[in-house]
Amino acid sequence: MNALVLGGSGGIGQAFIDYLLKQDKTQRIHATFYQHHPGVHDERVCWHKVDVTQDSAIKDLCSQFDEIELCINAVGMLHDQAHLPEKSARQIDPDFFTRSVLINALPSLLLARHLSPHFKHQRPAHFAVVSARIGSIEENRLGGWYSYRASKAALNMALKTLSIEWKRSLPNVIVSALHPGTTDTRLSRPFQKNVPSHDLFHPSKSVTSMMQVIDNLTPGQSGNFWSFDGQKLPW
């Protein structure tokens, strides 16, 4: 199996790489980072320094390998040094909102644009993206977190739309949005205070659960939103 992992330097992305390296069927992993080269050194891992929000960078990345059976996008942004999730519409910052959509939603569409030829081998394949349950419109009963919610909802709509297109042109590819649970990473660290210890996952546990979901999906289930525990989530 040949895999592509976007965001391989993050907590969840690196855990995906660690998981795949333990699988005998894994032949090659192409993985991306943005600034700091991760500390994973294995002859099966080929690292690429990529700004995944740039179309030309994604195009160049996809030109450096051939067939792919598994693509996982683990790139995401919840906050930065200047902004925490908004509690009120009064806190909306246009630049932060735009950047949230740019990072959380756009890269998956750029991937789909340039990666589709690499899936034409007709073998079973997966296009999986780490989303977030908080992006579910139906389940939003608390409000707040405007930029993150909206960007993940946009991502989910993009994946649903892609799955409809690919059911016609790439029926061997299963498209899925995945909720990892509350995972102990840099992204969630400022918000872990009130999370019960049994609900806070180590990245390896989150990734193992998500990979079990991926491995059990069938082509007829393409275009759905899944929790780490296998529960189908509402959009």
C-alpha atoms as a PDB file:
ATOM      1  CA  MET A   1       0.000   0.000   0.000  1.00  0.00           C
ATOM      2  CA  ASN A   2       1.163   3.498  -0.867  1.00  0.00           C
ATOM      3  CA  ALA A   3      -0.150   6.319   1.325  1.00  0.00           C
ATOM      4  CA  LEU A   4      -0.164  10.105   1.430  1.00  0.00           C
ATOM      5  CA  VAL A   5      -0.502  11.891   4.783  1.00  0.00           C
ATOM      6  CA  LEU A   6      -0.990  15.646   4.835  1.00  0.00           C
ATOM      7  CA  GLY A   7      -0.016  17.269   8.118  1.00  0.00           C
ATOM      8  CA  GLY A   8       2.435  14.567   9.114  1.00  0.00           C
ATOM      9  CA  SER A   9       4.144  16.866  11.613  1.00  0.00           C
ATOM     10  CA  GLY A  10       1.001  17.309  13.737  1.00  0.00           C
ATOM     11  CA  GLY A  11      -0.020  15.095  16.623  1.00  0.00           C
ATOM     12  CA  ILE A  12      -2.666  13.146  14.701  1.00  0.00           C
ATOM     13  CA  GLY A  13      -0.757  13.167  11.412  1.00  0.00           C
ATOM     14  CA  GLN A  14       2.379  11.769  13.003  1.00  0.00           C
ATOM     15  CA  ALA A  15       0.298   9.122  14.770  1.00  0.00           C
ATOM     16  CA  PHE A  16      -1.115   8.068  11.388  1.00  0.00           C
ATOM     17  CA  ILE A  17       2.430   7.650  10.079  1.00  0.00           C
ATOM     18  CA  ASP A  18       3.446   5.634  13.142  1.00  0.00           C
ATOM     19  CA  TYR A  19       0.409   3.406  12.674  1.00  0.00           C
ATOM     20  CA  LEU A  20       1.064   2.836   8.965  1.00  0.00           C
ATOM     21  CA  LEU A  21       4.711   2.002   9.578  1.00  0.00           C
ATOM     22  CA  LYS A  22       3.585  -0.900  11.759  1.00  0.00           C
ATOM     23  CA  GLN A  23       1.568  -2.404   8.907  1.00  0.00           C
ATOM     24  CA  ASP A  24       3.399  -4.963   6.780  1.00  0.00           C
ATOM     25  CA  LYS A  25       1.449  -3.925   3.694  1.00  0.00           C
ATOM     26  CA  THR A  26       2.769  -0.348   3.797  1.00  0.00           C
ATOM     27  CA  GLN A  27       5.331   0.167   1.052  1.00  0.00           C
ATOM     28  CA  ARG A  28       5.711   3.948   0.885  1.00  0.00           C
ATOM     29  CA  ILE A  29       4.353   6.915   2.804  1.00  0.00           C
ATOM     30  CA  HIS A  30       4.552  10.399   1.346  1.00  0.00           C
ATOM     31  CA  ALA A  31       4.042  12.890   4.175  1.00  0.00           C
ATOM     32  CA  THR A  32       3.972  16.664   4.362  1.00  0.00           C
ATOM     33  CA  PHE A  33       5.126  19.233   6.893  1.00  0.00           C
ATOM     34  CA  TYR A  34       4.981  23.015   6.806  1.00  0.00           C
ATOM     35  CA  GLN A  35       7.810  24.382   8.956  1.00  0.00           C
ATOM     36  CA  HIS A  36       9.581  21.873  11.175  1.00  0.00           C
ATOM     37  CA  HIS A  37      10.760  18.510   9.864  1.00  0.00           C
ATOM     38  CA  PRO A  38       9.269  15.797  12.109  1.00  0.00           C
ATOM     39  CA  GLY A  39      11.451  13.363  13.979  1.00  0.00           C
ATOM     40  CA  VAL A  40      10.246  10.303  12.079  1.00  0.00           C
ATOM     41  CA  HIS A  41      13.046   8.686  10.086  1.00  0.00           C
ATOM     42  CA  ASP A  42      12.215   5.548   8.143  1.00  0.00           C
ATOM     43  CA  GLU A  43      13.214   4.541   4.639  1.00  0.00           C
ATOM     44  CA  ARG A  44       9.549   4.063   3.746  1.00  0.00           C
ATOM     45  CA  VAL A  45       8.681   7.693   4.595  1.00  0.00           C
ATOM     46  CA  CYS A  46       9.342  10.433   2.054  1.00  0.00           C
ATOM     47  CA  TRP A  47       8.919  13.906   3.581  1.00  0.00           C
ATOM     48  CA  HIS A  48       7.782  16.939   1.570  1.00  0.00           C
ATOM     49  CA  LYS A  49       7.815  20.548   2.775  1.00  0.00           C
ATOM     50  CA  VAL A  50       4.509  21.885   1.465  1.00  0.00           C
ATOM     51  CA  ASP A  51       2.149  24.798   1.982  1.00  0.00           C
ATOM     52  CA  VAL A  52      -1.043  22.797   1.489  1.00  0.00           C
ATOM     53  CA  THR A  53      -3.134  25.927   0.861  1.00  0.00           C
ATOM     54  CA  GLN A  54      -1.264  26.619  -2.400  1.00  0.00           C
ATOM     55  CA  ASP A  55      -2.537  24.951  -5.557  1.00  0.00           C
ATOM     56  CA  SER A  56       0.895  24.929  -7.215  1.00  0.00           C
ATOM     57  CA  ALA A  57       2.429  23.251  -4.153  1.00  0.00           C
ATOM     58  CA  ILE A  58      -0.196  20.493  -4.128  1.00  0.00           C
ATOM     59  CA  LYS A  59       0.244  19.984  -7.867  1.00  0.00           C
ATOM     60  CA  ASP A  60       4.006  19.651  -7.431  1.00  0.00           C
ATOM     61  CA  LEU A  61       3.550  17.252  -4.508  1.00  0.00           C
ATOM     62  CA  CYS A  62       1.263  14.966  -6.505  1.00  0.00           C
ATOM     63  CA  SER A  63       3.729  14.912  -9.409  1.00  0.00           C
ATOM     64  CA  GLN A  64       6.316  13.199  -7.202  1.00  0.00           C
ATOM     65  CA  PHE A  65       4.582   9.834  -6.863  1.00  0.00           C
ATOM     66  CA  ASP A  66       2.386   7.470  -8.828  1.00  0.00           C
ATOM     67  CA  GLU A  67      -0.445   5.328  -7.513  1.00  0.00           C
ATOM     68  CA  ILE A  68      -1.969   5.856  -4.073  1.00  0.00           C
ATOM     69  CA  GLU A  69      -4.306   3.582  -2.119  1.00  0.00           C
ATOM     70  CA  LEU A  70      -4.739   5.772   0.950  1.00  0.00           C
ATOM     71  CA  CYS A  71      -4.826   9.559   1.355  1.00  0.00           C
ATOM     72  CA  ILE A  72      -5.304  11.088   4.784  1.00  0.00           C
ATOM     73  CA  ASN A  73      -5.535  14.830   5.338  1.00  0.00           C
ATOM     74  CA  ALA A  74      -4.790  15.601   8.991  1.00  0.00           C
ATOM     75  CA  VAL A  75      -4.210  19.333   8.516  1.00  0.00           C
ATOM     76  CA  GLY A  76      -6.344  21.599  10.679  1.00  0.00           C
ATOM     77  CA  MET A  77      -6.450  24.877  12.601  1.00  0.00           C
ATOM     78  CA  LEU A  78      -8.590  25.794  15.608  1.00  0.00           C
ATOM     79  CA  HIS A  79      -6.684  28.781  16.985  1.00  0.00           C
ATOM     80  CA  ASP A  80      -3.452  30.693  16.544  1.00  0.00           C
ATOM     81  CA  GLN A  81      -1.277  32.908  18.727  1.00  0.00           C
ATOM     82  CA  ALA A  82      -3.622  35.866  18.357  1.00  0.00           C
ATOM     83  CA  HIS A  83      -7.036  34.220  18.230  1.00  0.00           C
ATOM     84  CA  LEU A  84      -9.018  31.715  20.266  1.00  0.00           C
ATOM     85  CA  PRO A  85     -12.377  30.337  19.082  1.00  0.00           C
ATOM     86  CA  GLU A  86     -15.034  33.041  19.122  1.00  0.00           C
ATOM     87  CA  LYS A  87     -17.658  33.004  21.867  1.00  0.00           C
ATOM     88  CA  SER A  88     -19.732  35.700  20.174  1.00  0.00           C
ATOM     89  CA  ALA A  89     -20.278  37.188  16.724  1.00  0.00           C
ATOM     90  CA  ARG A  90     -18.733  40.401  18.068  1.00  0.00           C
ATOM     91  CA  GLN A  91     -15.388  38.608  18.140  1.00  0.00           C
ATOM     92  CA  ILE A  92     -15.366  37.704  14.448  1.00  0.00           C
ATOM     93  CA  ASP A  93     -12.100  38.686  12.774  1.00  0.00           C
ATOM     94  CA  PRO A  94     -12.364  38.530   8.961  1.00  0.00           C
ATOM     95  CA  ASP A  95      -8.736  37.515   8.453  1.00  0.00           C
ATOM     96  CA  PHE A  96      -8.944  34.724  11.048  1.00  0.00           C
ATOM     97  CA  PHE A  97     -12.208  33.460   9.567  1.00  0.00           C
ATOM     98  CA  THR A  98     -10.743  33.423   6.065  1.00  0.00           C
ATOM     99  CA  ARG A  99      -7.596  31.666   7.245  1.00  0.00           C
ATOM    100  CA  SER A 100      -9.680  29.028   9.047  1.00  0.00           C
ATOM    101  CA  VAL A 101     -11.509  28.178   5.826  1.00  0.00           C
ATOM    102  CA  LEU A 102      -8.257  28.303   3.866  1.00  0.00           C
ATOM    103  CA  ILE A 103      -6.571  25.742   6.122  1.00  0.00           C
ATOM    104  CA  ASN A 104      -9.499  23.553   7.163  1.00  0.00           C
ATOM    105  CA  ALA A 105     -11.438  23.280   3.900  1.00  0.00           C
ATOM    106  CA  LEU A 106      -9.372  24.203   0.836  1.00  0.00           C
ATOM    107  CA  PRO A 107      -6.490  21.653   0.958  1.00  0.00           C
ATOM    108  CA  SER A 108      -8.822  18.667   0.549  1.00  0.00           C
ATOM    109  CA  LEU A 109     -10.278  20.160  -2.628  1.00  0.00           C
ATOM    110  CA  LEU A 110      -6.812  20.900  -4.000  1.00  0.00           C
ATOM    111  CA  LEU A 111      -5.856  17.320  -3.233  1.00  0.00           C
ATOM    112  CA  ALA A 112      -8.922  16.018  -5.025  1.00  0.00           C
ATOM    113  CA  ARG A 113      -8.089  18.178  -8.027  1.00  0.00           C
ATOM    114  CA  HIS A 114      -4.572  16.849  -8.476  1.00  0.00           C
ATOM    115  CA  LEU A 115      -4.726  13.413  -6.864  1.00  0.00           C
ATOM    116  CA  SER A 116      -7.561  11.860  -8.857  1.00  0.00           C
ATOM    117  CA  PRO A 117      -5.276  10.407 -11.599  1.00  0.00           C
ATOM    118  CA  HIS A 118      -3.370   8.509  -8.893  1.00  0.00           C
ATOM    119  CA  PHE A 119      -6.554   6.632  -7.923  1.00  0.00           C
ATOM    120  CA  LYS A 120      -7.336   5.265 -11.396  1.00  0.00           C
ATOM    121  CA  HIS A 121      -5.713   1.903 -10.636  1.00  0.00           C
ATOM    122  CA  GLN A 122      -9.232   0.595  -9.810  1.00  0.00           C
ATOM    123  CA  ARG A 123      -8.088  -1.076  -6.586  1.00  0.00           C
ATOM    124  CA  PRO A 124      -9.957  -0.215  -3.358  1.00  0.00           C
ATOM    125  CA  ALA A 125      -8.746   3.155  -2.087  1.00  0.00           C
ATOM    126  CA  HIS A 126      -9.582   5.744   0.564  1.00  0.00           C
ATOM    127  CA  PHE A 127      -9.677   9.534   0.616  1.00  0.00           C
ATOM    128  CA  ALA A 128     -10.110  10.378   4.301  1.00  0.00           C
ATOM    129  CA  VAL A 129     -10.037  13.767   5.994  1.00  0.00           C
ATOM    130  CA  VAL A 130      -9.913  14.541   9.699  1.00  0.00           C
ATOM    131  CA  SER A 131     -12.922  16.777  10.335  1.00  0.00           C
ATOM    132  CA  ALA A 132     -14.602  17.518  13.678  1.00  0.00           C
ATOM    133  CA  ARG A 133     -17.986  16.730  15.182  1.00  0.00           C
ATOM    134  CA  ILE A 134     -18.331  20.409  16.008  1.00  0.00           C
ATOM    135  CA  GLY A 135     -18.759  20.978  12.266  1.00  0.00           C
ATOM    136  CA  SER A 136     -22.099  19.159  12.316  1.00  0.00           C
ATOM    137  CA  ILE A 137     -24.878  21.709  11.724  1.00  0.00           C
ATOM    138  CA  GLU A 138     -27.553  19.402  13.108  1.00  0.00           C
ATOM    139  CA  GLU A 139     -25.689  18.852  16.369  1.00  0.00           C
ATOM    140  CA  ASN A 140     -24.886  22.518  17.019  1.00  0.00           C
ATOM    141  CA  ARG A 141     -26.762  23.331  20.203  1.00  0.00           C
ATOM    142  CA  LEU A 142     -24.146  25.403  22.049  1.00  0.00           C
ATOM    143  CA  GLY A 143     -23.196  28.050  19.486  1.00  0.00           C
ATOM    144  CA  GLY A 144     -19.864  29.866  19.455  1.00  0.00           C
ATOM    145  CA  TRP A 145     -16.647  28.851  17.702  1.00  0.00           C
ATOM    146  CA  TYR A 146     -17.861  30.464  14.482  1.00  0.00           C
ATOM    147  CA  SER A 147     -14.754  30.154  12.333  1.00  0.00           C
ATOM    148  CA  TYR A 148     -13.959  26.565  13.261  1.00  0.00           C
ATOM    149  CA  ARG A 149     -17.557  25.377  12.961  1.00  0.00           C
ATOM    150  CA  ALA A 150     -18.052  27.084   9.616  1.00  0.00           C
ATOM    151  CA  SER A 151     -14.766  25.891   8.135  1.00  0.00           C
ATOM    152  CA  LYS A 152     -15.404  22.270   9.155  1.00  0.00           C
ATOM    153  CA  ALA A 153     -18.973  22.453   7.849  1.00  0.00           C
ATOM    154  CA  ALA A 154     -17.544  23.737   4.546  1.00  0.00           C
ATOM    155  CA  LEU A 155     -15.076  20.851   4.525  1.00  0.00           C
ATOM    156  CA  ASN A 156     -17.861  18.345   5.141  1.00  0.00           C
ATOM    157  CA  MET A 157     -19.949  19.749   2.284  1.00  0.00           C
ATOM    158  CA  ALA A 158     -16.927  19.619  -0.030  1.00  0.00           C
ATOM    159  CA  LEU A 159     -16.310  15.956   0.822  1.00  0.00           C
ATOM    160  CA  LYS A 160     -19.976  15.025   0.349  1.00  0.00           C
ATOM    161  CA  THR A 161     -19.966  16.728  -3.047  1.00  0.00           C
ATOM    162  CA  LEU A 162     -16.687  15.049  -4.019  1.00  0.00           C
ATOM    163  CA  SER A 163     -18.057  11.638  -3.096  1.00  0.00           C
ATOM    164  CA  ILE A 164     -20.975  12.120  -5.495  1.00  0.00           C
ATOM    165  CA  GLU A 165     -18.618  13.025  -8.346  1.00  0.00           C
ATOM    166  CA  TRP A 166     -16.220  10.182  -7.632  1.00  0.00           C
ATOM    167  CA  LYS A 167     -18.995   7.570  -7.386  1.00  0.00           C
ATOM    168  CA  ARG A 168     -19.238   8.120 -11.134  1.00  0.00           C
ATOM    169  CA  SER A 169     -15.596   8.650 -12.102  1.00  0.00           C
ATOM    170  CA  LEU A 170     -13.661   6.833  -9.322  1.00  0.00           C
ATOM    171  CA  PRO A 171     -16.055   4.273  -7.809  1.00  0.00           C
ATOM    172  CA  ASN A 172     -13.139   2.442  -6.176  1.00  0.00           C
ATOM    173  CA  VAL A 173     -12.410   5.407  -3.875  1.00  0.00           C
ATOM    174  CA  ILE A 174     -14.229   5.769  -0.551  1.00  0.00           C
ATOM    175  CA  VAL A 175     -14.474   9.403   0.574  1.00  0.00           C
ATOM    176  CA  SER A 176     -14.947   9.973   4.300  1.00  0.00           C
ATOM    177  CA  ALA A 177     -14.927  12.721   6.913  1.00  0.00           C
ATOM    178  CA  LEU A 178     -13.628  11.522  10.290  1.00  0.00           C
ATOM    179  CA  HIS A 179     -14.169  12.842  13.801  1.00  0.00           C
ATOM    180  CA  PRO A 180     -11.112  11.874  15.917  1.00  0.00           C
ATOM    181  CA  GLY A 181     -12.595  12.571  19.341  1.00  0.00           C
ATOM    182  CA  THR A 182     -10.935  14.976  21.763  1.00  0.00           C
ATOM    183  CA  THR A 183      -7.283  14.181  21.209  1.00  0.00           C
ATOM    184  CA  ASP A 184      -4.334  15.345  23.283  1.00  0.00           C
ATOM    185  CA  THR A 185      -2.621  17.551  20.700  1.00  0.00           C
ATOM    186  CA  ARG A 186      -1.474  21.149  20.450  1.00  0.00           C
ATOM    187  CA  LEU A 187      -4.758  22.018  18.742  1.00  0.00           C
ATOM    188  CA  SER A 188      -6.944  20.939  21.672  1.00  0.00           C
ATOM    189  CA  ARG A 189      -4.602  21.656  24.582  1.00  0.00           C
ATOM    190  CA  PRO A 190      -6.104  25.036  25.627  1.00  0.00           C
ATOM    191  CA  PHE A 191      -9.555  23.429  25.883  1.00  0.00           C
ATOM    192  CA  GLN A 192      -8.851  20.214  27.797  1.00  0.00           C
ATOM    193  CA  LYS A 193      -9.535  21.538  31.310  1.00  0.00           C
ATOM    194  CA  ASN A 194     -13.105  20.260  31.535  1.00  0.00           C
ATOM    195  CA  VAL A 195     -12.616  17.102  29.475  1.00  0.00           C
ATOM    196  CA  PRO A 196     -12.841  13.915  31.593  1.00  0.00           C
ATOM    197  CA  SER A 197      -9.632  11.891  31.400  1.00  0.00           C
ATOM    198  CA  HIS A 198     -11.437   8.926  29.835  1.00  0.00           C
ATOM    199  CA  ASP A 199     -12.671  11.190  27.008  1.00  0.00           C
ATOM    200  CA  LEU A 200      -9.215  12.626  26.199  1.00  0.00           C
ATOM    201  CA  PHE A 201      -7.427  10.353  23.748  1.00  0.00           C
ATOM    202  CA  HIS A 202      -3.755   9.857  23.066  1.00  0.00           C
ATOM    203  CA  PRO A 203      -3.188  10.417  19.328  1.00  0.00           C
ATOM    204  CA  SER A 204      -2.322   6.741  18.844  1.00  0.00           C
ATOM    205  CA  LYS A 205      -5.697   5.671  20.262  1.00  0.00           C
ATOM    206  CA  SER A 206      -7.564   8.165  18.112  1.00  0.00           C
ATOM    207  CA  VAL A 207      -5.727   7.075  14.973  1.00  0.00           C
ATOM    208  CA  THR A 208      -6.132   3.354  15.671  1.00  0.00           C
ATOM    209  CA  SER A 209      -9.871   3.906  16.050  1.00  0.00           C
ATOM    210  CA  MET A 210     -10.131   5.975  12.868  1.00  0.00           C
ATOM    211  CA  MET A 211      -8.114   3.423  10.884  1.00  0.00           C
ATOM    212  CA  GLN A 212     -10.481   0.687  12.046  1.00  0.00           C
ATOM    213  CA  VAL A 213     -13.360   2.786  10.720  1.00  0.00           C
ATOM    214  CA  ILE A 214     -11.564   3.317   7.402  1.00  0.00           C
ATOM    215  CA  ASP A 215     -10.729  -0.368   7.012  1.00  0.00           C
ATOM    216  CA  ASN A 216     -14.353  -1.397   7.551  1.00  0.00           C
ATOM    217  CA  LEU A 217     -15.915   1.014   5.058  1.00  0.00           C
ATOM    218  CA  THR A 218     -17.339  -0.181   1.751  1.00  0.00           C
ATOM    219  CA  PRO A 219     -17.798   1.788  -1.493  1.00  0.00           C
ATOM    220  CA  GLY A 220     -21.515   2.097  -0.750  1.00  0.00           C
ATOM    221  CA  GLN A 221     -20.628   4.076   2.392  1.00  0.00           C
ATOM    222  CA  SER A 222     -18.602   6.716   0.571  1.00  0.00           C
ATOM    223  CA  GLY A 223     -19.571  10.293   1.342  1.00  0.00           C
ATOM    224  CA  ASN A 224     -20.405   9.971   5.024  1.00  0.00           C
ATOM    225  CA  PHE A 225     -19.263  11.546   8.299  1.00  0.00           C
ATOM    226  CA  TRP A 226     -17.922   9.067  10.856  1.00  0.00           C
ATOM    227  CA  SER A 227     -16.953   9.243  14.492  1.00  0.00           C
ATOM    228  CA  PHE A 228     -13.858   7.408  15.743  1.00  0.00           C
ATOM    229  CA  ASP A 229     -16.158   4.797  17.318  1.00  0.00           C
ATOM    230  CA  GLY A 230     -17.834   3.942  14.031  1.00  0.00           C
ATOM    231  CA  GLN A 231     -20.958   6.020  14.650  1.00  0.00           C
ATOM    232  CA  LYS A 232     -22.371   7.719  11.551  1.00  0.00           C
ATOM    233  CA  LEU A 233     -22.692  11.429  12.310  1.00  0.00           C
ATOM    234  CA  PRO A 234     -25.269  13.878  10.939  1.00  0.00           C
ATOM    235  CA  TRP A 235     -24.031  16.625   8.665  1.00  0.00           C
END
